Amino acid sequence: MTDSCQPNPTSPKAGPVSRLIWTYARLNGRSPAERDMQRRRQPGLARSIELLIGPDSLPRLQPIEPVKSAVQRH
């Protein structure tokens, strides 16, 4: 990663996806492989991802909101 190249995410989903990839790499010591991401991605999309921005440029992930349901749990 170079500090001279600091583009902003171009869509509302680009930032969280970039943050997810950065966090995965920090936790696992490597970027996610395609098979690691297949659960949430569709086949045929790009197979390698390289972040060109620093982690400080990425937005913070928002906490997951609980799902509201009319079904009562026992």
PDB file of N, CA and C in Angstrom:
ATOM      1  N   MET A   1       0.832  -1.177   0.000  1.00  0.00           N
ATOM      2  CA  MET A   1       0.000   0.000   0.000  1.00  0.00           C
ATOM      3  C   MET A   1       0.876   1.240   0.000  1.00  0.00           C
ATOM      4  N   THR A   2       0.472   2.178  -0.778  1.00  0.00           N
ATOM      5  CA  THR A   2       1.210   3.424  -0.812  1.00  0.00           C
ATOM      6  C   THR A   2       0.350   4.530  -0.255  1.00  0.00           C
ATOM      7  N   ASP A   3       0.966   5.439   0.503  1.00  0.00           N
ATOM      8  CA  ASP A   3       0.232   6.551   1.083  1.00  0.00           C
ATOM      9  C   ASP A   3      -0.122   7.606   0.053  1.00  0.00           C
ATOM     10  N   SER A   4       0.588   7.632  -1.083  1.00  0.00           N
ATOM     11  CA  SER A   4       0.340   8.661  -2.085  1.00  0.00           C
ATOM     12  C   SER A   4      -0.957   8.409  -2.844  1.00  0.00           C
ATOM     13  N   CYS A   5      -1.448   7.198  -2.840  1.00  0.00           N
ATOM     14  CA  CYS A   5      -2.673   6.859  -3.555  1.00  0.00           C
ATOM     15  C   CYS A   5      -3.783   6.667  -2.528  1.00  0.00           C
ATOM     16  N   GLN A   6      -4.604   7.673  -2.315  1.00  0.00           N
ATOM     17  CA  GLN A   6      -5.644   7.630  -1.302  1.00  0.00           C
ATOM     18  C   GLN A   6      -7.018   7.933  -1.889  1.00  0.00           C
ATOM     19  N   PRO A   7      -7.533   7.087  -2.817  1.00  0.00           N
ATOM     20  CA  PRO A   7      -8.857   7.360  -3.370  1.00  0.00           C
ATOM     21  C   PRO A   7      -9.946   7.107  -2.337  1.00  0.00           C
ATOM     22  N   ASN A   8     -11.079   7.753  -2.520  1.00  0.00           N
ATOM     23  CA  ASN A   8     -12.232   7.520  -1.657  1.00  0.00           C
ATOM     24  C   ASN A   8     -13.073   6.402  -2.254  1.00  0.00           C
ATOM     25  N   PRO A   9     -13.745   5.602  -1.417  1.00  0.00           N
ATOM     26  CA  PRO A   9     -14.644   4.593  -1.972  1.00  0.00           C
ATOM     27  C   PRO A   9     -15.689   5.261  -2.861  1.00  0.00           C
ATOM     28  N   THR A  10     -16.066   4.605  -3.952  1.00  0.00           N
ATOM     29  CA  THR A  10     -16.966   5.219  -4.916  1.00  0.00           C
ATOM     30  C   THR A  10     -18.425   4.868  -4.690  1.00  0.00           C
ATOM     31  N   SER A  11     -18.727   3.928  -3.831  1.00  0.00           N
ATOM     32  CA  SER A  11     -20.117   3.579  -3.562  1.00  0.00           C
ATOM     33  C   SER A  11     -20.285   3.322  -2.069  1.00  0.00           C
ATOM     34  N   PRO A  12     -21.532   3.345  -1.596  1.00  0.00           N
ATOM     35  CA  PRO A  12     -21.757   3.097  -0.168  1.00  0.00           C
ATOM     36  C   PRO A  12     -21.258   1.727   0.293  1.00  0.00           C
ATOM     37  N   LYS A  13     -21.214   0.736  -0.604  1.00  0.00           N
ATOM     38  CA  LYS A  13     -20.756  -0.603  -0.224  1.00  0.00           C
ATOM     39  C   LYS A  13     -19.250  -0.779  -0.368  1.00  0.00           C
ATOM     40  N   ALA A  14     -18.588   0.075  -1.134  1.00  0.00           N
ATOM     41  CA  ALA A  14     -17.153  -0.094  -1.372  1.00  0.00           C
ATOM     42  C   ALA A  14     -16.349   0.051  -0.083  1.00  0.00           C
ATOM     43  N   GLY A  15     -16.703   1.003   0.759  1.00  0.00           N
ATOM     44  CA  GLY A  15     -15.978   1.209   2.010  1.00  0.00           C
ATOM     45  C   GLY A  15     -16.058   0.021   2.946  1.00  0.00           C
ATOM     46  N   PRO A  16     -17.275  -0.469   3.256  1.00  0.00           N
ATOM     47  CA  PRO A  16     -17.370  -1.632   4.139  1.00  0.00           C
ATOM     48  C   PRO A  16     -16.697  -2.877   3.579  1.00  0.00           C
ATOM     49  N   VAL A  17     -16.764  -3.092   2.274  1.00  0.00           N
ATOM     50  CA  VAL A  17     -16.098  -4.253   1.672  1.00  0.00           C
ATOM     51  C   VAL A  17     -14.588  -4.119   1.828  1.00  0.00           C
ATOM     52  N   SER A  18     -14.067  -2.916   1.586  1.00  0.00           N
ATOM     53  CA  SER A  18     -12.632  -2.681   1.751  1.00  0.00           C
ATOM     54  C   SER A  18     -12.213  -2.885   3.195  1.00  0.00           C
ATOM     55  N   ARG A  19     -13.025  -2.407   4.137  1.00  0.00           N
ATOM     56  CA  ARG A  19     -12.721  -2.582   5.560  1.00  0.00           C
ATOM     57  C   ARG A  19     -12.732  -4.066   5.918  1.00  0.00           C
ATOM     58  N   LEU A  20     -13.677  -4.836   5.384  1.00  0.00           N
ATOM     59  CA  LEU A  20     -13.738  -6.272   5.641  1.00  0.00           C
ATOM     60  C   LEU A  20     -12.473  -6.965   5.157  1.00  0.00           C
ATOM     61  N   ILE A  21     -12.022  -6.632   3.964  1.00  0.00           N
ATOM     62  CA  ILE A  21     -10.811  -7.242   3.409  1.00  0.00           C
ATOM     63  C   ILE A  21      -9.597  -6.853   4.241  1.00  0.00           C
ATOM     64  N   TRP A  22      -9.499  -5.591   4.619  1.00  0.00           N
ATOM     65  CA  TRP A  22      -8.364  -5.123   5.428  1.00  0.00           C
ATOM     66  C   TRP A  22      -8.349  -5.842   6.777  1.00  0.00           C
ATOM     67  N   THR A  23      -9.526  -5.952   7.423  1.00  0.00           N
ATOM     68  CA  THR A  23      -9.616  -6.615   8.722  1.00  0.00           C
ATOM     69  C   THR A  23      -9.251  -8.090   8.608  1.00  0.00           C
ATOM     70  N   TYR A  24      -9.744  -8.757   7.569  1.00  0.00           N
ATOM     71  CA  TYR A  24      -9.418 -10.168   7.346  1.00  0.00           C
ATOM     72  C   TYR A  24      -7.904 -10.345   7.226  1.00  0.00           C
ATOM     73  N   ALA A  25      -7.271  -9.481   6.442  1.00  0.00           N
ATOM     74  CA  ALA A  25      -5.822  -9.583   6.249  1.00  0.00           C
ATOM     75  C   ALA A  25      -5.073  -9.358   7.561  1.00  0.00           C
ATOM     76  N   ARG A  26      -5.548  -8.422   8.381  1.00  0.00           N
ATOM     77  CA  ARG A  26      -4.899  -8.174   9.675  1.00  0.00           C
ATOM     78  C   ARG A  26      -5.034  -9.380  10.607  1.00  0.00           C
ATOM     79  N   LEU A  27      -6.203  -9.997  10.616  1.00  0.00           N
ATOM     80  CA  LEU A  27      -6.444 -11.123  11.515  1.00  0.00           C
ATOM     81  C   LEU A  27      -5.760 -12.404  11.065  1.00  0.00           C
ATOM     82  N   ASN A  28      -5.675 -12.624   9.751  1.00  0.00           N
ATOM     83  CA  ASN A  28      -5.179 -13.887   9.220  1.00  0.00           C
ATOM     84  C   ASN A  28      -3.786 -13.806   8.608  1.00  0.00           C
ATOM     85  N   GLY A  29      -3.223 -12.609   8.530  1.00  0.00           N
ATOM     86  CA  GLY A  29      -1.877 -12.464   7.987  1.00  0.00           C
ATOM     87  C   GLY A  29      -1.798 -12.574   6.476  1.00  0.00           C
ATOM     88  N   ARG A  30      -2.926 -12.634   5.806  1.00  0.00           N
ATOM     89  CA  ARG A  30      -2.971 -12.697   4.343  1.00  0.00           C
ATOM     90  C   ARG A  30      -4.334 -12.196   3.890  1.00  0.00           C
ATOM     91  N   SER A  31      -4.399 -11.780   2.651  1.00  0.00           N
ATOM     92  CA  SER A  31      -5.681 -11.352   2.093  1.00  0.00           C
ATOM     93  C   SER A  31      -6.566 -12.567   1.871  1.00  0.00           C
ATOM     94  N   PRO A  32      -7.879 -12.371   1.863  1.00  0.00           N
ATOM     95  CA  PRO A  32      -8.760 -13.518   1.655  1.00  0.00           C
ATOM     96  C   PRO A  32      -8.644 -14.074   0.245  1.00  0.00           C
ATOM     97  N   ALA A  33      -8.637 -15.385   0.154  1.00  0.00           N
ATOM     98  CA  ALA A  33      -8.647 -16.044  -1.152  1.00  0.00           C
ATOM     99  C   ALA A  33     -10.074 -16.035  -1.680  1.00  0.00           C
ATOM    100  N   GLU A  34     -10.214 -16.307  -2.956  1.00  0.00           N
ATOM    101  CA  GLU A  34     -11.554 -16.336  -3.551  1.00  0.00           C
ATOM    102  C   GLU A  34     -12.463 -17.308  -2.804  1.00  0.00           C
ATOM    103  N   ARG A  35     -11.950 -18.474  -2.447  1.00  0.00           N
ATOM    104  CA  ARG A  35     -12.798 -19.453  -1.761  1.00  0.00           C
ATOM    105  C   ARG A  35     -13.226 -18.957  -0.380  1.00  0.00           C
ATOM    106  N   ASP A  36     -12.399 -18.117   0.251  1.00  0.00           N
ATOM    107  CA  ASP A  36     -12.774 -17.553   1.542  1.00  0.00           C
ATOM    108  C   ASP A  36     -13.944 -16.579   1.411  1.00  0.00           C
ATOM    109  N   MET A  37     -14.075 -15.991   0.245  1.00  0.00           N
ATOM    110  CA  MET A  37     -15.109 -14.984   0.035  1.00  0.00           C
ATOM    111  C   MET A  37     -16.330 -15.530  -0.704  1.00  0.00           C
ATOM    112  N   GLN A  38     -16.276 -16.763  -1.190  1.00  0.00           N
ATOM    113  CA  GLN A  38     -17.359 -17.305  -2.011  1.00  0.00           C
ATOM    114  C   GLN A  38     -18.698 -17.336  -1.296  1.00  0.00           C
ATOM    115  N   ARG A  39     -18.689 -17.467  -0.006  1.00  0.00           N
ATOM    116  CA  ARG A  39     -19.955 -17.536   0.716  1.00  0.00           C
ATOM    117  C   ARG A  39     -20.793 -16.283   0.510  1.00  0.00           C
ATOM    118  N   ARG A  40     -20.156 -15.148   0.273  1.00  0.00           N
ATOM    119  CA  ARG A  40     -20.896 -13.897   0.131  1.00  0.00           C
ATOM    120  C   ARG A  40     -20.768 -13.276  -1.248  1.00  0.00           C
ATOM    121  N   ARG A  41     -20.020 -13.891  -2.115  1.00  0.00           N
ATOM    122  CA  ARG A  41     -19.815 -13.337  -3.457  1.00  0.00           C
ATOM    123  C   ARG A  41     -20.393 -14.289  -4.495  1.00  0.00           C
ATOM    124  N   GLN A  42     -20.549 -13.786  -5.705  1.00  0.00           N
ATOM    125  CA  GLN A  42     -21.069 -14.618  -6.780  1.00  0.00           C
ATOM    126  C   GLN A  42     -19.920 -15.088  -7.659  1.00  0.00           C
ATOM    127  N   PRO A  43     -20.009 -16.317  -8.176  1.00  0.00           N
ATOM    128  CA  PRO A  43     -18.967 -16.828  -9.067  1.00  0.00           C
ATOM    129  C   PRO A  43     -18.803 -15.939 -10.296  1.00  0.00           C
ATOM    130  N   GLY A  44     -17.594 -15.871 -10.799  1.00  0.00           N
ATOM    131  CA  GLY A  44     -17.325 -15.113 -12.012  1.00  0.00           C
ATOM    132  C   GLY A  44     -16.853 -13.698 -11.781  1.00  0.00           C
ATOM    133  N   LEU A  45     -16.820 -13.245 -10.543  1.00  0.00           N
ATOM    134  CA  LEU A  45     -16.333 -11.897 -10.263  1.00  0.00           C
ATOM    135  C   LEU A  45     -14.808 -11.919 -10.152  1.00  0.00           C
ATOM    136  N   ALA A  46     -14.211 -10.765 -10.018  1.00  0.00           N
ATOM    137  CA  ALA A  46     -12.753 -10.657  -9.941  1.00  0.00           C
ATOM    138  C   ALA A  46     -12.186 -11.612  -8.894  1.00  0.00           C
ATOM    139  N   ARG A  47     -11.026 -12.188  -9.186  1.00  0.00           N
ATOM    140  CA  ARG A  47     -10.458 -13.216  -8.314  1.00  0.00           C
ATOM    141  C   ARG A  47      -9.358 -12.723  -7.401  1.00  0.00           C
ATOM    142  N   SER A  48      -8.896 -11.534  -7.594  1.00  0.00           N
ATOM    143  CA  SER A  48      -7.887 -11.012  -6.680  1.00  0.00           C
ATOM    144  C   SER A  48      -8.216  -9.564  -6.365  1.00  0.00           C
ATOM    145  N   ILE A  49      -7.935  -9.188  -5.136  1.00  0.00           N
ATOM    146  CA  ILE A  49      -8.243  -7.846  -4.671  1.00  0.00           C
ATOM    147  C   ILE A  49      -7.000  -7.286  -4.001  1.00  0.00           C
ATOM    148  N   GLU A  50      -6.622  -6.097  -4.379  1.00  0.00           N
ATOM    149  CA  GLU A  50      -5.495  -5.415  -3.752  1.00  0.00           C
ATOM    150  C   GLU A  50      -5.967  -4.032  -3.334  1.00  0.00           C
ATOM    151  N   LEU A  51      -5.855  -3.742  -2.044  1.00  0.00           N
ATOM    152  CA  LEU A  51      -6.255  -2.430  -1.555  1.00  0.00           C
ATOM    153  C   LEU A  51      -5.136  -1.430  -1.809  1.00  0.00           C
ATOM    154  N   LEU A  52      -5.497  -0.295  -2.363  1.00  0.00           N
ATOM    155  CA  LEU A  52      -4.519   0.746  -2.654  1.00  0.00           C
ATOM    156  C   LEU A  52      -4.654   1.927  -1.710  1.00  0.00           C
ATOM    157  N   ILE A  53      -5.479   1.783  -0.691  1.00  0.00           N
ATOM    158  CA  ILE A  53      -5.664   2.861   0.276  1.00  0.00           C
ATOM    159  C   ILE A  53      -5.271   2.360   1.654  1.00  0.00           C
ATOM    160  N   GLY A  54      -4.916   3.278   2.514  1.00  0.00           N
ATOM    161  CA  GLY A  54      -4.536   2.922   3.870  1.00  0.00           C
ATOM    162  C   GLY A  54      -5.757   2.662   4.734  1.00  0.00           C
ATOM    163  N   PRO A  55      -5.596   1.939   5.836  1.00  0.00           N
ATOM    164  CA  PRO A  55      -6.730   1.610   6.696  1.00  0.00           C
ATOM    165  C   PRO A  55      -7.412   2.831   7.296  1.00  0.00           C
ATOM    166  N   ASP A  56      -6.683   3.921   7.487  1.00  0.00           N
ATOM    167  CA  ASP A  56      -7.295   5.130   8.039  1.00  0.00           C
ATOM    168  C   ASP A  56      -8.280   5.768   7.071  1.00  0.00           C
ATOM    169  N   SER A  57      -8.177   5.446   5.788  1.00  0.00           N
ATOM    170  CA  SER A  57      -9.093   5.989   4.784  1.00  0.00           C
ATOM    171  C   SER A  57     -10.387   5.193   4.688  1.00  0.00           C
ATOM    172  N   LEU A  58     -10.424   4.020   5.313  1.00  0.00           N
ATOM    173  CA  LEU A  58     -11.603   3.167   5.233  1.00  0.00           C
ATOM    174  C   LEU A  58     -12.611   3.561   6.306  1.00  0.00           C
ATOM    175  N   PRO A  59     -13.898   3.512   5.986  1.00  0.00           N
ATOM    176  CA  PRO A  59     -14.906   3.833   7.002  1.00  0.00           C
ATOM    177  C   PRO A  59     -15.001   2.719   8.035  1.00  0.00           C
ATOM    178  N   ARG A  60     -15.412   3.074   9.226  1.00  0.00           N
ATOM    179  CA  ARG A  60     -15.624   2.071  10.267  1.00  0.00           C
ATOM    180  C   ARG A  60     -16.881   1.283   9.937  1.00  0.00           C
ATOM    181  N   LEU A  61     -16.855  -0.012  10.218  1.00  0.00           N
ATOM    182  CA  LEU A  61     -18.039  -0.838   9.997  1.00  0.00           C
ATOM    183  C   LEU A  61     -19.086  -0.505  11.050  1.00  0.00           C
ATOM    184  N   GLN A  62     -20.323  -0.488  10.634  1.00  0.00           N
ATOM    185  CA  GLN A  62     -21.425  -0.242  11.556  1.00  0.00           C
ATOM    186  C   GLN A  62     -21.806  -1.557  12.225  1.00  0.00           C
ATOM    187  N   PRO A  63     -22.210  -1.497  13.504  1.00  0.00           N
ATOM    188  CA  PRO A  63     -22.641  -2.733  14.165  1.00  0.00           C
ATOM    189  C   PRO A  63     -23.868  -3.313  13.469  1.00  0.00           C
ATOM    190  N   ILE A  64     -23.977  -4.617  13.496  1.00  0.00           N
ATOM    191  CA  ILE A  64     -25.130  -5.282  12.899  1.00  0.00           C
ATOM    192  C   ILE A  64     -26.342  -5.044  13.791  1.00  0.00           C
ATOM    193  N   GLU A  65     -27.436  -4.625  13.173  1.00  0.00           N
ATOM    194  CA  GLU A  65     -28.664  -4.397  13.923  1.00  0.00           C
ATOM    195  C   GLU A  65     -29.401  -5.721  14.094  1.00  0.00           C
ATOM    196  N   PRO A  66     -29.994  -5.938  15.274  1.00  0.00           N
ATOM    197  CA  PRO A  66     -30.740  -7.180  15.462  1.00  0.00           C
ATOM    198  C   PRO A  66     -31.938  -7.236  14.511  1.00  0.00           C
ATOM    199  N   VAL A  67     -32.266  -8.431  14.085  1.00  0.00           N
ATOM    200  CA  VAL A  67     -33.400  -8.623  13.185  1.00  0.00           C
ATOM    201  C   VAL A  67     -34.682  -8.581  14.003  1.00  0.00           C
ATOM    202  N   LYS A  68     -35.632  -7.764  13.556  1.00  0.00           N
ATOM    203  CA  LYS A  68     -36.922  -7.679  14.236  1.00  0.00           C
ATOM    204  C   LYS A  68     -37.868  -8.681  13.584  1.00  0.00           C
ATOM    205  N   SER A  69     -38.513  -9.490  14.415  1.00  0.00           N
ATOM    206  CA  SER A  69     -39.394 -10.528  13.898  1.00  0.00           C
ATOM    207  C   SER A  69     -40.662 -10.591  14.741  1.00  0.00           C
ATOM    208  N   ALA A  70     -41.787 -10.872  14.091  1.00  0.00           N
ATOM    209  CA  ALA A  70     -43.052 -11.031  14.803  1.00  0.00           C
ATOM    210  C   ALA A  70     -43.158 -12.417  15.436  1.00  0.00           C
ATOM    211  N   VAL A  71     -42.274 -13.324  15.061  1.00  0.00           N
ATOM    212  CA  VAL A  71     -42.294 -14.687  15.594  1.00  0.00           C
ATOM    213  C   VAL A  71     -41.638 -14.690  16.966  1.00  0.00           C
ATOM    214  N   GLN A  72     -42.341 -15.250  17.947  1.00  0.00           N
ATOM    215  CA  GLN A  72     -41.786 -15.319  19.295  1.00  0.00           C
ATOM    216  C   GLN A  72     -40.908 -16.552  19.429  1.00  0.00           C
ATOM    217  N   ARG A  73     -39.814 -16.394  20.137  1.00  0.00           N
ATOM    218  CA  ARG A  73     -38.914 -17.527  20.389  1.00  0.00           C
ATOM    219  C   ARG A  73     -39.193 -18.099  21.764  1.00  0.00           C
ATOM    220  N   HIS A  74     -38.981 -19.385  21.910  1.00  0.00           N
ATOM    221  CA  HIS A  74     -39.207 -20.052  23.203  1.00  0.00           C
ATOM    222  C   HIS A  74     -37.919 -20.223  23.927  1.00  0.00           C
TER     223      HIS A  74
END
